[in-house]
Protein backbone atom coordinates (compact mmCIF):
# COMPACT_ATOMS: atom_id res chain seq x y z
CA MET A 1 65.95 -11.59 -8.05
CA LEU A 2 69.68 -10.86 -7.47
CA LYS A 3 68.69 -8.28 -4.88
CA TYR A 4 66.77 -10.87 -2.83
CA ILE A 5 69.56 -13.46 -3.16
CA GLY A 6 71.95 -10.82 -1.88
CA LEU A 7 69.70 -10.05 1.09
CA THR A 8 69.48 -13.73 1.97
CA ILE A 9 73.29 -14.07 1.89
CA PHE A 10 73.59 -10.92 4.02
CA PHE A 11 71.24 -12.19 6.71
CA CYS A 12 72.94 -15.58 6.77
CA CYS A 13 76.33 -13.89 7.15
CA ILE A 14 75.19 -11.87 10.16
CA GLY A 15 73.71 -14.94 11.76
CA LEU A 16 70.00 -14.14 11.35
CA PRO A 17 68.22 -17.41 10.52
CA THR A 18 66.01 -17.47 7.46
CA SER A 19 63.17 -18.82 9.68
CA VAL A 20 62.93 -15.33 11.20
CA LEU A 21 62.33 -13.92 7.74
CA ALA A 22 59.56 -16.45 7.24
CA GLN A 23 58.04 -15.46 10.57
CA GLN A 24 58.06 -11.82 9.58
CA GLU A 25 55.88 -12.62 6.60
CA LYS A 26 53.03 -12.74 9.09
CA PRO A 27 51.45 -9.31 9.53
CA ASN A 28 51.88 -7.45 12.78
CA VAL A 29 48.86 -6.04 14.61
CA LEU A 30 48.46 -2.68 16.35
CA ILE A 31 45.20 -2.15 18.24
CA ILE A 32 44.31 1.28 19.63
CA MET A 33 41.38 1.22 22.07
CA ILE A 34 39.72 4.48 23.12
CA ASP A 35 37.29 4.54 26.04
CA ASP A 36 33.77 6.01 25.73
CA LEU A 37 34.44 7.61 22.33
CA ASN A 38 31.32 8.35 20.32
CA ASP A 39 31.25 9.81 16.80
CA CYS A 40 33.04 13.04 17.84
CA ILE A 41 35.65 12.56 15.12
CA THR A 42 36.21 15.08 12.35
CA HIS A 43 34.10 14.18 9.28
CA TRP A 44 32.58 11.21 11.12
CA GLY A 45 29.11 12.74 11.36
CA GLY A 46 29.25 13.62 15.04
CA HIS A 47 29.95 16.94 16.72
CA ARG A 48 31.08 19.34 14.02
CA GLN A 49 33.49 21.18 16.34
CA SER A 50 35.56 18.09 17.12
CA LEU A 51 39.28 18.32 16.30
CA THR A 52 40.86 14.94 15.57
CA PRO A 53 43.48 15.27 12.82
CA ASN A 54 45.28 12.04 13.78
CA MET A 55 42.26 9.76 13.90
CA THR A 56 41.12 11.39 10.68
CA ARG A 57 44.54 10.66 9.17
CA LEU A 58 44.13 6.98 10.05
CA ALA A 59 40.62 6.94 8.58
CA GLU A 60 41.90 8.48 5.35
CA SER A 61 44.64 5.85 5.07
CA GLY A 62 42.38 2.84 5.56
CA VAL A 63 38.75 1.77 5.85
CA SER A 64 36.16 3.52 8.04
CA PHE A 65 33.18 1.46 9.17
CA LYS A 66 30.56 4.19 9.42
CA ARG A 67 27.90 1.87 10.85
CA ALA A 68 29.82 -0.07 13.47
CA TYR A 69 28.21 -0.89 16.81
CA THR A 70 29.05 -2.21 20.24
CA ASN A 71 27.55 -5.46 21.48
CA ALA A 72 27.17 -4.12 25.03
CA PRO A 73 27.30 -0.37 25.83
CA MET A 74 29.32 -0.75 29.06
CA CYS A 75 33.10 -1.12 29.35
CA GLY A 76 33.26 -4.56 30.95
CA PRO A 77 30.93 -6.66 28.78
CA SER A 78 31.83 -4.78 25.60
CA ARG A 79 35.55 -5.43 25.90
CA ALA A 80 35.01 -9.00 27.08
CA SER A 81 32.87 -9.66 24.02
CA LEU A 82 35.31 -7.93 21.66
CA PHE A 83 38.40 -9.78 22.85
CA THR A 84 36.75 -13.21 23.17
CA GLY A 85 34.52 -12.91 20.09
CA ILE A 86 31.48 -14.13 22.06
CA TYR A 87 28.10 -12.40 22.38
CA PRO A 88 27.08 -11.47 25.95
CA HIS A 89 23.91 -13.56 25.74
CA HIS A 90 26.02 -16.63 24.91
CA SER A 91 28.48 -16.09 27.75
CA ARG A 92 26.02 -14.47 30.19
CA ASN A 93 28.68 -11.89 30.88
CA TYR A 94 26.46 -8.80 30.85
CA TYR A 95 27.96 -6.32 33.25
CA GLN A 96 31.17 -5.45 35.12
CA ALA A 97 32.01 -8.79 36.76
CA PRO A 98 35.51 -10.07 35.83
CA TRP A 99 35.31 -11.97 32.57
CA PHE A 100 37.81 -14.58 33.78
CA LYS A 101 35.31 -15.70 36.44
CA ASN A 102 32.77 -16.45 33.73
CA GLU A 103 32.66 -20.17 32.88
CA VAL A 104 32.22 -19.70 29.14
CA LEU A 105 34.80 -16.95 28.70
CA ARG A 106 37.54 -18.50 30.82
CA ASN A 107 37.25 -21.65 28.71
CA SER A 108 37.63 -19.70 25.48
CA ARG A 109 40.87 -18.13 24.27
CA THR A 110 41.03 -14.38 24.26
CA MET A 111 42.42 -12.66 21.20
CA MET A 112 45.68 -12.12 23.08
CA GLU A 113 45.97 -15.78 24.04
CA GLN A 114 45.30 -16.88 20.47
CA PHE A 115 48.00 -14.62 19.05
CA LYS A 116 50.44 -15.69 21.75
CA ALA A 117 49.79 -19.35 20.93
CA ALA A 118 50.45 -18.56 17.25
CA GLY A 119 53.97 -17.34 18.04
CA TYR A 120 53.32 -13.63 18.27
CA GLN A 121 54.97 -11.34 20.78
CA VAL A 122 51.90 -10.02 22.60
CA LEU A 123 52.37 -6.63 24.25
CA GLY A 124 49.91 -4.31 25.95
CA SER A 125 49.42 -1.29 28.15
CA GLY A 126 46.50 0.74 29.45
CA LYS A 127 42.83 -0.22 29.39
CA ILE A 128 42.35 -3.11 26.98
CA MET A 129 39.96 -5.47 28.74
CA HIS A 130 38.10 -4.06 31.73
CA HIS A 131 39.78 -6.68 33.91
CA ASN A 132 43.31 -7.62 32.91
CA ARG A 133 45.29 -10.83 33.39
CA ASN A 134 49.01 -10.47 32.80
CA SER A 135 49.27 -14.16 31.85
CA MET A 136 47.55 -13.37 28.52
CA TRP A 137 50.48 -11.20 27.46
CA SER A 138 54.15 -11.65 26.70
CA HIS A 139 54.50 -8.35 28.53
CA PHE A 140 51.94 -5.94 29.99
CA GLU A 141 53.10 -2.50 31.10
CA ASN A 142 50.56 -0.22 32.83
CA PRO A 143 47.15 -1.16 34.25
CA ALA A 144 44.14 1.06 33.56
CA ASP A 145 44.41 4.42 35.33
CA TYR A 146 41.39 6.75 35.37
CA SER A 147 43.30 9.66 36.91
CA PRO A 148 44.67 12.33 37.21
CA THR A 149 42.30 13.37 39.99
CA PRO A 150 42.51 15.82 42.88
CA PHE A 151 43.45 14.13 46.16
CA ASP A 152 42.92 15.49 49.67
CA GLY A 153 45.35 13.16 51.40
CA GLN A 154 42.67 10.57 52.04
CA ASP A 155 40.25 10.43 49.13
CA ARG A 156 40.11 11.24 45.45
CA ILE A 157 37.58 14.00 44.82
CA PRO A 158 35.97 15.74 41.81
CA HIS A 159 37.59 18.76 40.20
CA PRO A 160 37.29 21.53 42.86
CA ASP A 161 35.62 23.92 40.40
CA VAL A 162 32.67 21.58 39.75
CA PRO A 163 29.56 22.61 41.72
CA ALA A 164 27.01 20.39 43.43
CA PRO A 165 24.92 18.43 42.76
CA PHE A 166 27.02 17.26 39.81
CA ALA A 167 30.15 16.98 41.97
CA ASP A 168 28.15 14.85 44.41
CA ILE A 169 28.14 12.08 41.79
CA GLY A 170 31.80 11.44 42.66
CA TRP A 171 35.38 11.74 41.44
CA VAL A 172 34.83 9.66 38.30
CA ASP A 173 31.57 10.71 36.65
CA GLY A 174 31.03 13.99 38.51
CA SER A 175 34.30 15.61 37.53
CA LEU A 176 35.31 17.76 34.58
CA GLY A 177 37.58 20.68 33.85
CA PRO A 178 41.15 21.64 32.90
CA PHE A 179 44.21 20.98 35.00
CA ILE A 180 44.75 23.82 37.43
CA ASN A 181 47.53 24.60 39.87
CA LEU A 182 46.21 23.23 43.17
CA GLU A 183 48.79 24.95 45.34
CA GLY A 184 46.85 26.63 48.15
CA ARG A 185 43.54 24.98 47.13
CA LYS A 186 41.65 23.05 49.77
CA SER A 187 38.76 20.62 49.88
CA LYS A 188 35.42 21.45 51.49
CA ASP A 189 36.84 19.91 54.65
CA GLY A 190 39.83 22.22 54.57
CA LYS A 191 42.33 19.60 53.45
CA PRO A 192 45.09 20.68 51.02
CA LEU A 193 44.72 19.28 47.52
CA HIS A 194 47.17 17.90 44.99
CA TRP A 195 46.86 15.92 41.76
CA THR A 196 47.38 12.18 41.90
CA THR A 197 47.64 9.29 39.45
CA GLY A 198 47.51 5.53 39.95
CA ASN A 199 44.98 2.92 41.01
CA PRO A 200 44.46 0.35 43.78
CA GLN A 201 46.67 -2.19 41.98
CA ILE A 202 49.80 -0.04 41.77
CA GLY A 203 49.01 2.51 44.47
CA TYR A 204 48.74 6.27 44.13
CA ARG A 205 51.45 8.82 43.50
CA PRO A 206 51.43 12.62 43.28
CA MET A 207 51.30 14.27 39.87
CA ARG A 208 53.07 17.61 39.64
CA TYR A 209 51.23 20.35 37.80
CA VAL A 210 52.37 23.97 37.73
CA ASN A 211 51.13 24.75 34.23
CA ASP A 212 50.87 22.96 30.88
CA GLU A 213 54.59 23.49 30.21
CA ASP A 214 55.70 22.38 33.69
CA ARG A 215 53.95 19.18 34.68
CA ASP A 216 54.13 15.40 34.82
CA PRO A 217 52.59 13.40 31.96
CA THR A 218 49.07 12.01 32.18
CA PRO A 219 48.55 8.21 32.18
CA ASP A 220 47.39 8.38 28.54
CA GLU A 221 50.53 10.29 27.60
CA VAL A 222 52.64 7.70 29.42
CA ASN A 223 50.97 4.89 27.48
CA ALA A 224 51.36 6.72 24.16
CA LYS A 225 55.09 7.10 24.76
CA TRP A 226 55.38 3.47 25.84
CA ALA A 227 53.63 2.25 22.67
CA ALA A 228 55.77 4.52 20.47
CA ASP A 229 58.94 3.29 22.19
CA GLN A 230 57.86 -0.32 21.69
CA LEU A 231 57.31 0.25 17.99
CA HIS A 232 60.76 1.83 17.62
CA ALA A 233 62.32 -1.12 19.48
CA LEU A 234 60.40 -3.71 17.45
CA ALA A 235 61.53 -2.04 14.23
CA ARG A 236 65.16 -2.29 15.33
CA ASN A 237 64.89 -5.94 16.33
CA PRO A 238 62.13 -7.74 14.38
CA THR A 239 62.61 -11.24 15.77
CA GLN A 240 58.96 -12.30 15.61
CA PRO A 241 55.61 -10.83 14.57
CA PHE A 242 53.92 -8.73 17.22
CA PHE A 243 50.45 -7.99 18.52
CA LEU A 244 50.56 -4.65 20.34
CA ALA A 245 47.53 -3.13 22.05
CA VAL A 246 47.38 0.27 23.74
CA GLY A 247 44.31 1.51 25.59
CA PHE A 248 43.58 5.18 26.24
CA LEU A 249 41.14 6.25 28.98
CA ARG A 250 39.95 9.64 27.81
CA PRO A 251 37.26 10.64 26.99
CA HIS A 252 36.08 8.37 29.81
CA THR A 253 35.27 10.40 32.89
CA PRO A 254 36.68 12.26 34.75
CA LEU A 255 36.81 14.69 31.82
CA VAL A 256 40.08 16.32 32.87
CA ALA A 257 42.77 17.40 30.39
CA PRO A 258 45.50 20.05 30.08
CA GLN A 259 44.30 23.63 29.72
CA GLN A 260 45.57 23.88 26.15
CA TYR A 261 42.87 21.46 25.00
CA PHE A 262 40.09 23.40 26.71
CA ASP A 263 41.43 26.57 25.08
CA ARG A 264 40.68 25.05 21.67
CA PHE A 265 36.96 25.04 22.54
CA PRO A 266 35.94 28.41 24.08
CA LEU A 267 32.85 27.87 26.22
CA GLU A 268 30.96 30.75 24.61
CA ASP A 269 31.39 29.14 21.17
CA ILE A 270 30.33 25.63 22.14
CA GLU A 271 27.48 24.16 20.12
CA LEU A 272 25.35 21.46 21.67
CA ALA A 273 24.51 18.15 20.06
CA VAL A 274 21.34 18.08 17.98
CA ILE A 275 18.71 17.58 20.66
CA GLN A 276 14.92 17.52 20.57
CA SER A 277 13.16 18.67 23.73
CA ASN A 278 11.38 15.91 25.68
CA ASP A 279 12.69 13.32 23.23
CA ASP A 280 12.43 10.60 25.87
CA GLU A 281 8.63 10.80 26.14
CA ASP A 282 7.93 8.02 23.63
CA THR A 283 10.73 5.75 24.90
CA HIS A 284 10.59 2.94 27.45
CA LEU A 285 13.95 2.83 29.22
CA ARG A 286 12.44 4.49 32.31
CA PHE A 287 9.94 1.65 32.65
CA ALA A 288 12.67 -0.93 32.23
CA TYR A 289 14.83 0.43 35.04
CA GLN A 290 11.86 0.70 37.38
CA ASP A 291 11.85 -3.09 37.26
CA GLY A 292 15.64 -3.43 37.50
CA ASP A 293 18.31 -3.05 40.13
CA VAL A 294 21.17 -1.67 38.04
CA HIS A 295 21.87 1.94 38.93
CA ALA A 296 23.57 2.46 35.56
CA LEU A 297 20.23 2.03 33.77
CA ARG A 298 18.89 5.26 35.27
CA PHE A 299 22.26 6.95 35.74
CA GLY A 300 22.12 8.77 32.41
CA LYS A 301 18.94 10.55 33.43
CA GLU A 302 20.42 11.42 36.85
CA MET A 303 23.61 12.84 35.31
CA PHE A 304 21.56 14.90 32.85
CA GLU A 305 19.46 16.40 35.64
CA ALA A 306 22.42 16.94 37.98
CA ILE A 307 24.56 18.86 35.51
CA ALA A 308 21.65 21.15 34.65
CA LYS A 309 21.09 21.96 38.33
CA ALA A 310 24.82 22.41 38.96
CA TYR A 311 25.28 25.03 36.23
CA GLY A 312 21.88 26.71 36.38
CA SER A 313 20.30 25.39 33.20
CA THR A 314 20.35 22.44 30.84
CA GLU A 315 22.08 24.50 28.16
CA ALA A 316 24.81 25.77 30.50
CA GLY A 317 25.43 22.32 31.95
CA LEU A 318 25.62 20.60 28.57
CA LYS A 319 27.97 23.30 27.28
CA LYS A 320 30.38 22.58 30.14
CA TRP A 321 30.12 18.86 29.45
CA THR A 322 30.54 19.21 25.70
CA GLN A 323 33.57 21.48 26.08
CA ALA A 324 35.24 18.99 28.44
CA TYR A 325 34.38 16.01 26.23
CA LEU A 326 35.74 17.66 23.08
CA ALA A 327 38.88 18.71 24.98
CA CYS A 328 39.49 15.14 26.12
CA VAL A 329 38.89 13.78 22.61
CA ALA A 330 41.44 16.27 21.25
CA ALA A 331 43.92 15.21 23.95
CA VAL A 332 43.57 11.52 23.16
CA ASP A 333 43.86 12.30 19.46
CA ASP A 334 47.37 13.65 20.13
CA ASN A 335 48.17 10.39 21.94
CA VAL A 336 46.97 8.44 18.92
CA GLY A 337 49.11 10.63 16.70
CA GLN A 338 52.25 9.84 18.68
CA VAL A 339 51.66 6.10 18.21
CA LEU A 340 50.84 6.43 14.51
CA ASP A 341 53.92 8.59 13.93
CA ALA A 342 56.16 5.93 15.47
CA LEU A 343 54.64 3.26 13.23
CA GLU A 344 54.72 5.31 10.04
CA GLU A 345 58.33 6.39 10.57
CA SER A 346 59.45 2.75 10.54
CA PRO A 347 59.45 -0.10 8.01
CA LEU A 348 56.86 -1.83 10.22
CA HIS A 349 54.29 0.41 8.56
CA ASN A 350 54.31 -1.83 5.48
CA ASN A 351 53.42 -5.00 7.38
CA THR A 352 51.26 -3.87 10.31
CA ILE A 353 47.48 -4.04 10.50
CA VAL A 354 46.07 -1.10 12.45
CA VAL A 355 42.71 -1.24 14.24
CA LEU A 356 41.23 1.73 16.11
CA ALA A 357 37.98 1.28 18.00
CA SER A 358 35.98 2.39 20.99
CA ASP A 359 34.12 0.11 23.38
CA HIS A 360 30.83 2.04 23.06
CA GLY A 361 29.43 5.49 22.42
CA PHE A 362 28.15 8.17 24.79
CA HIS A 363 25.13 10.48 24.94
CA MET A 364 25.70 14.24 24.95
CA GLY A 365 22.21 15.12 26.19
CA GLU A 366 20.16 13.40 23.50
CA LYS A 367 16.94 11.95 24.91
CA ASP A 368 17.62 13.88 28.16
CA TYR A 369 20.40 11.38 28.83
CA LEU A 370 24.07 11.90 29.65
CA TYR A 371 25.81 8.51 29.83
CA LYS A 372 26.26 5.21 28.04
CA ASN A 373 24.34 1.93 28.67
CA SER A 374 21.32 2.75 26.54
CA LEU A 375 20.16 0.89 23.44
CA TRP A 376 19.91 4.05 21.33
CA GLU A 377 22.21 5.15 18.53
CA GLU A 378 24.36 7.55 20.57
CA SER A 379 25.32 4.87 23.07
CA THR A 380 25.77 1.96 20.68
CA ARG A 381 27.47 3.43 17.60
CA ILE A 382 31.26 3.35 17.75
CA PRO A 383 34.17 4.45 15.54
CA LEU A 384 35.95 1.54 13.86
CA MET A 385 38.89 2.02 11.49
CA ILE A 386 41.06 -0.70 9.99
CA ARG A 387 44.12 -0.38 7.76
CA VAL A 388 45.59 -3.51 6.18
CA PRO A 389 48.70 -3.01 4.02
CA GLY A 390 48.20 -4.46 0.57
CA LEU A 391 44.46 -4.96 1.04
CA THR A 392 42.63 -1.78 2.01
CA LYS A 393 42.31 1.29 -0.21
CA PRO A 394 42.94 4.67 1.44
CA GLY A 395 39.87 6.68 2.33
CA SER A 396 37.39 3.83 1.88
CA GLU A 397 34.10 3.84 3.77
CA VAL A 398 31.84 0.90 4.59
CA GLU A 399 28.13 1.54 5.05
CA ARG A 400 27.27 -2.08 5.86
CA VAL A 401 26.30 -2.68 9.51
CA VAL A 402 29.02 -4.45 11.51
CA SER A 403 29.87 -4.76 15.19
CA LEU A 404 32.80 -5.32 17.52
CA ILE A 405 32.06 -9.05 17.55
CA ASP A 406 33.57 -9.16 14.05
CA VAL A 407 37.02 -7.83 14.98
CA TYR A 408 38.43 -11.07 16.45
CA PRO A 409 37.53 -13.32 13.48
CA THR A 410 38.81 -10.60 11.12
CA LEU A 411 42.26 -10.50 12.69
CA ALA A 412 42.35 -14.29 12.98
CA ASP A 413 41.59 -14.50 9.27
CA LEU A 414 44.06 -11.82 8.17
CA CYS A 415 46.88 -13.26 10.28
CA GLY A 416 46.23 -16.92 9.49
CA LEU A 417 45.49 -17.95 13.07
CA SER A 418 43.13 -20.59 11.74
CA LYS A 419 43.40 -22.26 8.36
CA GLU A 420 39.62 -22.43 8.15
CA THR A 421 38.49 -19.39 10.07
CA GLU A 422 34.97 -19.34 8.65
CA SER A 423 34.25 -23.08 8.66
CA ASP A 424 36.02 -23.93 11.92
CA ARG A 425 34.56 -21.35 14.29
CA ALA A 426 35.42 -23.38 17.40
CA PHE A 427 39.20 -23.09 17.08
CA THR A 428 39.33 -20.58 19.96
CA MET A 429 37.60 -22.93 22.42
CA LYS A 430 39.85 -24.40 25.13
CA ASN A 431 37.33 -27.17 25.76
CA THR A 432 33.63 -27.93 25.39
CA GLN A 433 32.74 -25.40 28.09
CA GLY A 434 33.91 -22.57 25.84
CA HIS A 435 32.03 -21.07 22.91
CA PRO A 436 32.96 -20.63 19.24
CA LEU A 437 33.42 -17.21 17.66
CA ASP A 438 30.13 -15.44 17.01
CA GLY A 439 31.33 -12.83 14.53
CA TYR A 440 32.56 -13.05 10.95
CA SER A 441 35.65 -11.85 9.15
CA LEU A 442 35.39 -8.38 7.68
CA ARG A 443 37.94 -9.23 4.98
CA PRO A 444 35.37 -9.08 2.14
CA LEU A 445 34.42 -5.51 3.16
CA LEU A 446 38.03 -4.48 3.67
CA LYS A 447 38.74 -5.63 0.13
CA ASN A 448 35.53 -4.26 -1.39
CA PRO A 449 33.79 -1.69 0.87
CA LYS A 450 30.75 -1.60 -1.42
CA LYS A 451 30.13 -5.33 -1.22
CA LYS A 452 26.51 -5.96 -0.26
CA SER A 453 26.77 -9.54 0.95
CA TRP A 454 29.88 -10.27 3.03
CA GLY A 455 28.99 -13.38 5.07
CA GLY A 456 28.20 -11.67 8.37
CA SER A 457 24.95 -10.69 10.00
CA ARG A 458 22.96 -7.88 8.41
CA ALA A 459 22.13 -6.58 11.89
CA ALA A 460 24.26 -5.50 14.84
CA LEU A 461 23.09 -6.97 18.15
CA THR A 462 23.44 -5.01 21.41
CA THR A 463 22.53 -6.19 24.91
CA VAL A 464 21.95 -4.20 28.09
CA TYR A 465 22.02 -5.92 31.46
CA ALA A 466 18.75 -5.78 33.44
CA GLY A 467 20.33 -6.47 36.85
CA GLN A 468 20.91 -9.19 39.42
CA LYS A 469 17.19 -9.38 40.01
CA HIS A 470 17.01 -11.10 36.65
CA GLN A 471 19.73 -13.65 37.50
CA SER A 472 21.72 -13.02 34.33
CA LEU A 473 19.19 -15.02 32.29
CA PRO A 474 19.38 -14.26 28.56
CA THR A 475 15.58 -14.14 28.43
CA GLU A 476 15.46 -11.28 30.93
CA GLN A 477 17.89 -8.75 29.39
CA HIS A 478 17.22 -5.78 27.09
CA TYR A 479 18.12 -6.06 23.40
CA ALA A 480 18.46 -3.94 20.29
CA ILE A 481 19.34 -4.66 16.68
CA ARG A 482 20.49 -2.13 14.10
CA THR A 483 20.17 -2.78 10.39
CA GLN A 484 21.11 -0.50 7.52
CA HIS A 485 18.01 1.66 7.96
CA PHE A 486 16.25 0.65 11.19
CA ARG A 487 16.80 0.26 14.93
CA TYR A 488 14.55 -2.07 16.92
CA ILE A 489 14.60 -2.26 20.73
CA LEU A 490 12.92 -4.89 22.90
CA TYR A 491 13.00 -4.39 26.67
CA ASN A 492 12.46 -7.23 29.10
CA THR A 493 9.10 -5.65 29.91
CA GLY A 494 7.98 -6.52 26.37
CA GLN A 495 7.90 -2.83 25.37
CA GLU A 496 9.31 -1.95 21.96
CA GLU A 497 10.88 0.93 20.07
CA LEU A 498 11.40 1.20 16.32
CA TYR A 499 13.27 3.98 14.52
CA ASP A 500 13.42 4.60 10.77
CA HIS A 501 16.87 6.09 10.08
CA ARG A 502 16.00 6.89 6.48
CA ASN A 503 13.60 9.60 7.70
CA ASP A 504 14.67 9.99 11.34
CA PRO A 505 18.49 9.88 11.75
CA TYR A 506 18.31 11.26 15.31
CA GLU A 507 15.76 8.65 16.49
CA TRP A 508 13.26 11.32 17.52
CA GLN A 509 10.14 9.33 16.66
CA ASN A 510 9.41 5.86 17.99
CA VAL A 511 7.17 4.30 15.33
CA ALA A 512 6.80 0.89 16.99
CA ASP A 513 3.08 1.43 17.64
CA GLN A 514 2.25 2.73 14.18
CA LYS A 515 0.25 0.54 11.86
CA GLY A 516 0.77 -0.20 8.19
CA LYS A 517 4.32 -0.48 6.88
CA TYR A 518 5.90 0.02 10.31
CA ARG A 519 3.87 -2.78 11.83
CA ARG A 520 5.19 -5.12 9.17
CA LYS A 521 8.74 -3.81 9.61
CA LYS A 522 8.52 -4.28 13.39
CA SER A 523 7.46 -7.89 12.85
CA LYS A 524 10.43 -8.49 10.54
CA MET A 525 12.86 -6.85 12.95
CA ARG A 526 11.50 -8.91 15.84
CA LYS A 527 12.06 -12.07 13.82
CA LEU A 528 15.60 -10.96 12.95
CA LEU A 529 16.33 -10.37 16.63
CA LYS A 530 14.85 -13.77 17.45
CA ASP A 531 17.13 -15.43 14.92
CA LEU A 532 20.20 -13.67 16.32
CA VAL A 533 19.59 -14.67 19.93
CA ALA A 534 18.13 -18.13 19.23
CA PRO A 535 17.31 -20.31 21.08
CA VAL A 536 16.60 -17.61 23.69
CA GLN A 537 12.88 -16.83 23.92
CA LEU A 538 12.28 -13.15 24.69
CA LYS A 539 9.13 -11.37 25.73
CA GLY A 540 7.32 -10.11 22.66
CA PHE A 541 8.16 -13.09 20.45
CA GLU A 542 4.79 -14.63 21.12
CA GLN A 543 3.11 -11.71 19.36
């Protein structure tokens, strides 16, 4: 007791008001967002060659949600749903349109706005929401930057070593490979090449690269340093609680990283994901996109076919892709490590909640598909790790099904943003045109990872946009739900898929048309989906 009396006298003597001490009793929040990251994390059940010591370190210090899922497997709607806490079918924000032009979402407070209103210093940099608004933040540093990319003086182009037809896809999705010295290299049109970073918002600037030891930093490295510097500064001057979010782009395409990361994964040693030949034959996505007008629905098939043609075979193409993906994951893991080091070296470590998540997964050739935006496991499952000082036990794992919709109410609960988070779910609405939070606090699972009933849904709901042809109507989109042991998919054509993860963890066998126990299970899953999207009436519910 004398120690605390002495500390109070000390702070009063130096002029620091005791109200600041009271403010600092609120936990800080650090959110680390990683783009397009699937389960390629060491010991996460994904690619066994992945090297992620820093993300693994975070997982071992907190709680890993091993069955966490996105609510929309595309950047824009996933992040809009995560940071507003509203399902896409409630907001009708299904695709890449700016969330702040959506009537429901602009009349609901984002997570950042809610923390700012609660007296937090709200800081961010990198790709957090797909479309940013600086007014949400106390300070926002760098907008999303998908580079570095080769530049010919007029246009950004794919990595010059990538052959057609994969390179024909373009500088974003048709580009992979290590940084190389571009001095003397020219485009197909004979234009000299150099590396560039930037985006239309801030303009483009050259990036110098001679070799890995003599180069400018990548945008992800810039954001990692910024976040680490902010944490050091906040530790020196803790005037108010903070909410700090940093968003890393890799392993989003283009899959370009320093050579040292590619060297960790020699091409001749690369193992492919576990793939079954012709695994897409009993699926229905191809029928769904024949009726749609969204290129992204069929893009995964086109990328898969293009990379096989570009490198001479499916195996050779997927090896190049897998090497580049693993290299980019290893690179972003080092960025994560820099941020975690800064936090753990400071006293902030004892009062800062850490959340690491991805916006969606990514196929590595499974189901003859190389992209996101599917309703299968590879595209919808995401890494989610949460560490809460004083609450979570190191190395805990949760097997209950959760989704990104639960992150907002969890942080609101843990940080006391609403006195009645669970009973008053409308506290984030600006007016009646907004929508209450759809998710539930994960606090019960953070406290007891083995808890069977925690208050949230027993299924994760994911939506895929069917295109403008369907006028954004909730009834016309594609849906999936994932429970502890089953995945059920209902396309807007009325076609169904059902996978039994107890016997089929890779979703190789669609059992939706089988009779007996699977017919009964399909009926139960359809009802569960109906309850989740009520009062929306989807095709197939009349069966």
